[in-house]
Amino acid sequence: MQNAKTDNKLRPWQVKMHEIIYEADTPAGKLFDVLLLILIVISIIAVMLESIQSIDLKYGKELNTLEWVITILFSLEFIARISCIAKPFKYIFSFYGIVDILSLLPSYLGFFFVEGGGHSSLSVIRSLRLLRVFRILKLARYIGEANLLVKSLKASRPKIVVFMFFVLSVTFILGTVMYIVESPESGFTSIPMSIYWAIVTLTTVGYGDIATATPLGQAIASFIMITGYAVIAVPTGIVSAEIAKQDGKAKVTTQSCPSCSLEGHDEDAVHCKYCGATL
């Protein structure tokens, strides 16, 4: 494995760092993942605590210091990730690369807004800082079943799209029918409002802001409510079937390509199935 990775023009220290950062089948790799998980959880908790005014007023400086410590550590992690692969831009523009950038930008942008524009809107700064909650997406990297769910959703996409088109067609038709059946006094003032009511009723949410008043309207509403259970059950069944199918396929490992950094290779894979590099 060492010689194969050397073929990708990685230096020995890059090979070692790649094993630790991208793969979790070594003690050092597992420790790195656990520490990063703890750091992400602490960061998310800090963001939530900052939104509580009483805590922010009392411990604002401490939370801000903690935030910058975490930001610097995440920055070092990002630099380490792109420095130990042959094609760093592949990672930068990947899903996880963009998530890493999103987790860093709010802190740096907030800093420049405060320093560069002293009279900038506080709400803008607050919004930028709260965008740090995107760090929770970094957790997906460490949840083994997340990749299985993503693959299942992708495989289910054509069936779900067809089903959603059918549901939208039903809501448009029923919304139009309800606009004819019910009066504006009941809240059905237009076709879009009637479609909104049909969607709310079909999903069994039932806000109650618009309600039927006629016997025929109530009969149609009852039909929509019962149909709503099927709307919930069908996509669940489609995705569940795909999860079972994907789970039965060849087992994959944490082996990461040293060239493009992508994972999901079979146990006996010799070359990366994404870029062809030697594993």
Protein backbone atom coordinates (compact mmCIF):
# COMPACT_ATOMS: atom_id res chain seq x y z
CA MET A 1 0.00 0.00 0.00
CA GLN A 2 2.87 2.36 0.81
CA ASN A 3 4.51 1.81 -2.58
CA ALA A 4 1.19 2.24 -4.37
CA LYS A 5 0.66 5.59 -2.73
CA THR A 6 4.20 6.67 -3.52
CA ASP A 7 3.30 6.17 -7.20
CA ASN A 8 0.94 9.15 -6.77
CA LYS A 9 3.99 11.38 -6.12
CA LEU A 10 3.26 11.86 -2.44
CA ARG A 11 6.14 12.36 -0.05
CA PRO A 12 6.47 10.05 2.98
CA TRP A 13 5.08 12.66 5.39
CA GLN A 14 2.10 13.20 3.06
CA VAL A 15 1.43 9.45 2.93
CA LYS A 16 1.50 9.29 6.73
CA MET A 17 -0.74 12.34 7.10
CA HIS A 18 -3.15 10.95 4.49
CA GLU A 19 -3.48 7.71 6.46
CA ILE A 20 -4.32 9.64 9.64
CA ILE A 21 -6.69 12.26 8.20
CA TYR A 22 -8.60 10.38 5.50
CA GLU A 23 -8.71 6.81 6.79
CA ALA A 24 -10.15 5.46 10.03
CA ASP A 25 -8.72 1.94 10.02
CA THR A 26 -5.62 2.86 12.07
CA PRO A 27 -5.42 3.89 15.77
CA ALA A 28 -4.11 7.34 14.79
CA GLY A 29 -6.88 7.77 12.21
CA LYS A 30 -9.58 6.77 14.70
CA LEU A 31 -8.17 9.16 17.31
CA PHE A 32 -8.11 12.00 14.78
CA ASP A 33 -11.75 11.37 13.84
CA VAL A 34 -12.88 11.20 17.48
CA LEU A 35 -11.10 14.47 18.36
CA LEU A 36 -12.59 16.19 15.33
CA LEU A 37 -16.07 14.91 16.22
CA ILE A 38 -15.73 16.33 19.72
CA LEU A 39 -14.56 19.64 18.28
CA ILE A 40 -17.54 19.84 15.90
CA VAL A 41 -20.02 19.08 18.71
CA ILE A 42 -18.44 21.72 20.97
CA SER A 43 -18.63 24.23 18.12
CA ILE A 44 -22.33 23.57 17.51
CA ILE A 45 -23.10 23.85 21.24
CA ALA A 46 -21.20 27.17 21.35
CA VAL A 47 -23.26 28.53 18.44
CA MET A 48 -26.50 27.59 20.22
CA LEU A 49 -25.37 29.09 23.55
CA GLU A 50 -24.44 32.32 21.77
CA SER A 51 -28.04 32.71 20.64
CA ILE A 52 -29.24 32.79 24.29
CA GLN A 53 -29.02 36.46 25.24
CA SER A 54 -28.42 35.96 28.97
CA ILE A 55 -25.55 33.52 28.35
CA ASP A 56 -24.07 35.67 25.59
CA LEU A 57 -24.04 38.75 27.85
CA LYS A 58 -22.34 36.85 30.67
CA TYR A 59 -19.94 34.60 28.77
CA GLY A 60 -19.69 36.38 25.41
CA LYS A 61 -15.90 36.87 25.59
CA GLU A 62 -15.26 33.26 26.59
CA LEU A 63 -17.49 31.96 23.80
CA ASN A 64 -15.78 34.26 21.29
CA THR A 65 -12.35 33.01 22.39
CA LEU A 66 -13.52 29.41 22.12
CA GLU A 67 -14.89 30.14 18.66
CA TRP A 68 -11.55 31.46 17.42
CA VAL A 69 -9.66 28.51 18.88
CA ILE A 70 -12.02 26.14 17.06
CA THR A 71 -11.83 28.19 13.84
CA ILE A 72 -8.02 28.09 13.88
CA LEU A 73 -8.05 24.33 14.48
CA PHE A 74 -10.54 23.81 11.64
CA SER A 75 -8.36 26.01 9.41
CA LEU A 76 -5.30 23.89 10.19
CA GLU A 77 -7.34 20.75 9.50
CA PHE A 78 -8.42 22.10 6.11
CA ILE A 79 -4.84 23.03 5.19
CA ALA A 80 -3.66 19.56 6.28
CA ARG A 81 -6.34 17.87 4.16
CA ILE A 82 -5.40 19.64 0.94
CA SER A 83 -1.65 19.31 1.54
CA CYS A 84 -1.61 15.50 1.69
CA ILE A 85 -3.42 14.68 -1.56
CA ALA A 86 -2.13 14.87 -5.13
CA LYS A 87 -5.09 16.89 -6.45
CA PRO A 88 -6.12 19.40 -3.74
CA PHE A 89 -8.66 21.19 -5.94
CA LYS A 90 -10.61 17.93 -6.25
CA TYR A 91 -11.18 18.06 -2.52
CA ILE A 92 -11.74 21.83 -2.31
CA PHE A 93 -14.64 21.66 -4.78
CA SER A 94 -16.06 18.41 -3.40
CA PHE A 95 -19.06 18.31 -1.06
CA TYR A 96 -16.95 17.99 2.07
CA GLY A 97 -14.50 20.61 0.84
CA ILE A 98 -17.31 23.14 0.40
CA VAL A 99 -18.67 22.20 3.85
CA ASP A 100 -15.24 22.86 5.36
CA ILE A 101 -15.09 26.27 3.66
CA LEU A 102 -18.62 27.12 4.85
CA SER A 103 -17.61 26.22 8.39
CA LEU A 104 -14.67 28.66 8.27
CA LEU A 105 -16.03 31.65 6.32
CA PRO A 106 -18.59 32.95 8.88
CA SER A 107 -15.96 33.58 11.57
CA TYR A 108 -13.54 35.32 9.20
CA LEU A 109 -16.28 37.34 7.47
CA GLY A 110 -17.71 38.36 10.85
CA PHE A 111 -14.25 39.53 11.93
CA PHE A 112 -13.74 41.67 8.80
CA PHE A 113 -17.24 43.12 9.02
CA VAL A 114 -16.59 44.23 12.59
CA GLU A 115 -13.10 45.54 11.93
CA GLY A 116 -13.62 47.02 8.49
CA GLY A 117 -17.08 48.48 8.84
CA GLY A 118 -17.60 49.61 12.39
CA HIS A 119 -21.13 50.77 11.62
CA SER A 120 -22.18 47.64 9.72
CA SER A 121 -25.56 46.19 10.52
CA LEU A 122 -25.41 44.04 13.65
CA SER A 123 -28.06 41.76 12.18
CA VAL A 124 -25.79 41.01 9.18
CA ILE A 125 -22.89 40.15 11.49
CA ARG A 126 -25.17 37.99 13.64
CA SER A 127 -26.45 36.15 10.57
CA LEU A 128 -22.93 35.51 9.32
CA ARG A 129 -21.84 34.12 12.67
CA LEU A 130 -24.89 31.88 12.94
CA LEU A 131 -23.97 30.33 9.58
CA ARG A 132 -21.37 28.39 11.56
CA VAL A 133 -24.17 25.93 12.24
CA PHE A 134 -23.27 24.47 8.82
CA ARG A 135 -20.45 22.72 10.68
CA ILE A 136 -22.97 20.08 11.62
CA LEU A 137 -22.69 18.88 8.01
CA LYS A 138 -19.12 17.90 8.80
CA LEU A 139 -20.54 15.14 10.99
CA ALA A 140 -21.79 13.32 7.88
CA ARG A 141 -18.20 12.37 7.08
CA TYR A 142 -18.00 10.28 10.25
CA ILE A 143 -21.37 8.55 10.07
CA GLY A 144 -20.84 5.30 8.19
CA GLU A 145 -24.50 4.88 7.22
CA ALA A 146 -24.66 8.39 5.71
CA ASN A 147 -23.05 7.21 2.46
CA LEU A 148 -25.53 4.33 2.25
CA LEU A 149 -28.45 6.74 2.68
CA VAL A 150 -27.07 9.13 0.03
CA LYS A 151 -26.63 6.30 -2.48
CA SER A 152 -30.14 5.04 -1.75
CA LEU A 153 -31.65 8.51 -2.25
CA LYS A 154 -29.81 8.92 -5.56
CA ALA A 155 -31.01 5.52 -6.76
CA SER A 156 -34.59 6.37 -5.67
CA ARG A 157 -34.57 9.80 -7.34
CA PRO A 158 -36.41 8.88 -10.61
CA LYS A 159 -39.23 7.11 -8.75
CA ILE A 160 -39.56 9.88 -6.16
CA VAL A 161 -39.62 12.58 -8.87
CA VAL A 162 -42.45 10.77 -10.69
CA PHE A 163 -44.35 10.35 -7.42
CA MET A 164 -43.87 14.01 -6.47
CA PHE A 165 -45.14 15.08 -9.90
CA PHE A 166 -48.26 12.97 -9.29
CA VAL A 167 -48.76 14.53 -5.83
CA LEU A 168 -48.36 18.07 -7.21
CA SER A 169 -50.88 17.29 -9.97
CA VAL A 170 -53.37 16.03 -7.36
CA THR A 171 -52.95 19.15 -5.19
CA PHE A 172 -53.42 21.46 -8.18
CA ILE A 173 -56.60 19.65 -9.24
CA LEU A 174 -58.06 19.40 -5.72
CA GLY A 175 -57.11 22.99 -4.95
CA THR A 176 -58.95 24.18 -8.05
CA VAL A 177 -61.99 22.03 -7.17
CA MET A 178 -62.07 23.47 -3.64
CA TYR A 179 -61.91 27.01 -5.04
CA ILE A 180 -65.10 26.21 -6.94
CA VAL A 181 -66.84 24.38 -4.08
CA GLU A 182 -65.98 26.71 -1.17
CA SER A 183 -66.61 30.42 -0.80
CA PRO A 184 -64.05 33.24 -0.32
CA GLU A 185 -65.48 33.79 3.18
CA SER A 186 -64.03 30.41 4.22
CA GLY A 187 -60.55 31.51 3.11
CA PHE A 188 -60.55 30.07 -0.43
CA THR A 189 -60.00 33.47 -2.00
CA SER A 190 -57.97 32.24 -5.00
CA ILE A 191 -56.67 29.09 -6.66
CA PRO A 192 -53.15 29.51 -5.16
CA MET A 193 -54.67 29.81 -1.65
CA SER A 194 -56.80 26.72 -2.33
CA ILE A 195 -53.73 24.80 -3.51
CA TYR A 196 -51.93 25.89 -0.33
CA TRP A 197 -54.83 24.49 1.70
CA ALA A 198 -54.69 21.23 -0.29
CA ILE A 199 -50.95 20.85 0.40
CA VAL A 200 -51.38 21.56 4.11
CA THR A 201 -54.26 19.07 4.33
CA LEU A 202 -52.54 16.39 2.21
CA THR A 203 -49.45 16.47 4.41
CA THR A 204 -51.73 16.15 7.50
CA VAL A 205 -50.25 19.37 8.95
CA GLY A 206 -53.60 21.15 9.27
CA TYR A 207 -52.76 24.71 10.33
CA GLY A 208 -56.45 25.58 10.57
CA ASP A 209 -56.05 29.02 8.98
CA ILE A 210 -58.37 27.91 6.16
CA ALA A 211 -61.26 25.54 6.86
CA THR A 212 -64.05 24.00 4.79
CA ALA A 213 -67.65 25.04 5.48
CA THR A 214 -69.78 23.03 3.03
CA PRO A 215 -70.61 19.30 3.27
CA LEU A 216 -69.08 18.63 -0.16
CA GLY A 217 -65.90 20.50 0.82
CA GLN A 218 -65.64 18.50 4.04
CA ALA A 219 -66.05 15.24 2.10
CA ILE A 220 -63.24 16.24 -0.27
CA ALA A 221 -61.10 17.29 2.71
CA SER A 222 -61.65 13.88 4.34
CA PHE A 223 -60.52 12.16 1.14
CA ILE A 224 -57.38 14.32 1.00
CA MET A 225 -56.53 13.59 4.65
CA ILE A 226 -56.78 9.82 4.11
CA THR A 227 -54.70 10.11 0.92
CA GLY A 228 -52.08 11.97 2.95
CA TYR A 229 -51.05 8.76 4.72
CA ALA A 230 -50.22 7.19 1.36
CA VAL A 231 -48.16 10.26 0.46
CA ILE A 232 -46.00 9.61 3.52
CA ALA A 233 -45.79 5.85 3.06
CA VAL A 234 -44.86 5.60 -0.63
CA PRO A 235 -41.53 7.54 -0.61
CA THR A 236 -40.56 5.75 2.62
CA GLY A 237 -41.12 2.38 0.94
CA ILE A 238 -39.16 3.41 -2.16
CA VAL A 239 -36.13 4.58 -0.15
CA SER A 240 -36.29 1.57 2.22
CA ALA A 241 -36.18 -0.83 -0.72
CA GLU A 242 -33.15 0.95 -2.17
CA ILE A 243 -31.39 0.93 1.23
CA ALA A 244 -31.85 -2.84 1.42
CA LYS A 245 -30.53 -3.20 -2.13
CA GLN A 246 -27.50 -0.97 -1.56
CA ASP A 247 -26.73 -2.65 1.76
CA GLY A 248 -26.49 -6.00 0.02
CA LYS A 249 -23.81 -4.84 -2.40
CA ALA A 250 -20.05 -5.24 -2.04
CA LYS A 251 -18.64 -4.06 1.27
CA VAL A 252 -16.68 -0.80 1.14
CA THR A 253 -13.83 0.37 3.33
CA THR A 254 -12.54 3.68 4.63
CA GLN A 255 -9.80 3.50 1.97
CA SER A 256 -9.44 7.02 0.52
CA CYS A 257 -7.85 7.84 -2.81
CA PRO A 258 -4.56 9.72 -2.27
CA SER A 259 -5.14 11.61 -5.50
CA CYS A 260 -8.76 12.85 -5.39
CA SER A 261 -9.48 12.01 -1.69
CA LEU A 262 -12.79 10.29 -2.52
CA GLU A 263 -13.89 7.19 -0.59
CA GLY A 264 -16.33 4.32 -1.11
CA HIS A 265 -13.98 1.75 -2.68
CA ASP A 266 -14.51 -2.01 -2.48
CA GLU A 267 -12.28 -4.06 -0.21
CA ASP A 268 -10.35 -5.58 -3.10
CA ALA A 269 -10.09 -2.36 -5.17
CA VAL A 270 -6.66 -1.61 -6.66
CA HIS A 271 -7.49 1.62 -8.49
CA CYS A 272 -9.73 4.56 -7.61
CA LYS A 273 -13.10 4.19 -9.32
CA TYR A 274 -13.37 7.99 -9.65
CA CYS A 275 -9.99 9.10 -11.07
CA GLY A 276 -8.17 5.83 -11.78
CA ALA A 277 -5.22 6.50 -9.46
CA THR A 278 -3.53 3.59 -7.71
CA LEU A 279 -4.81 2.92 -4.19
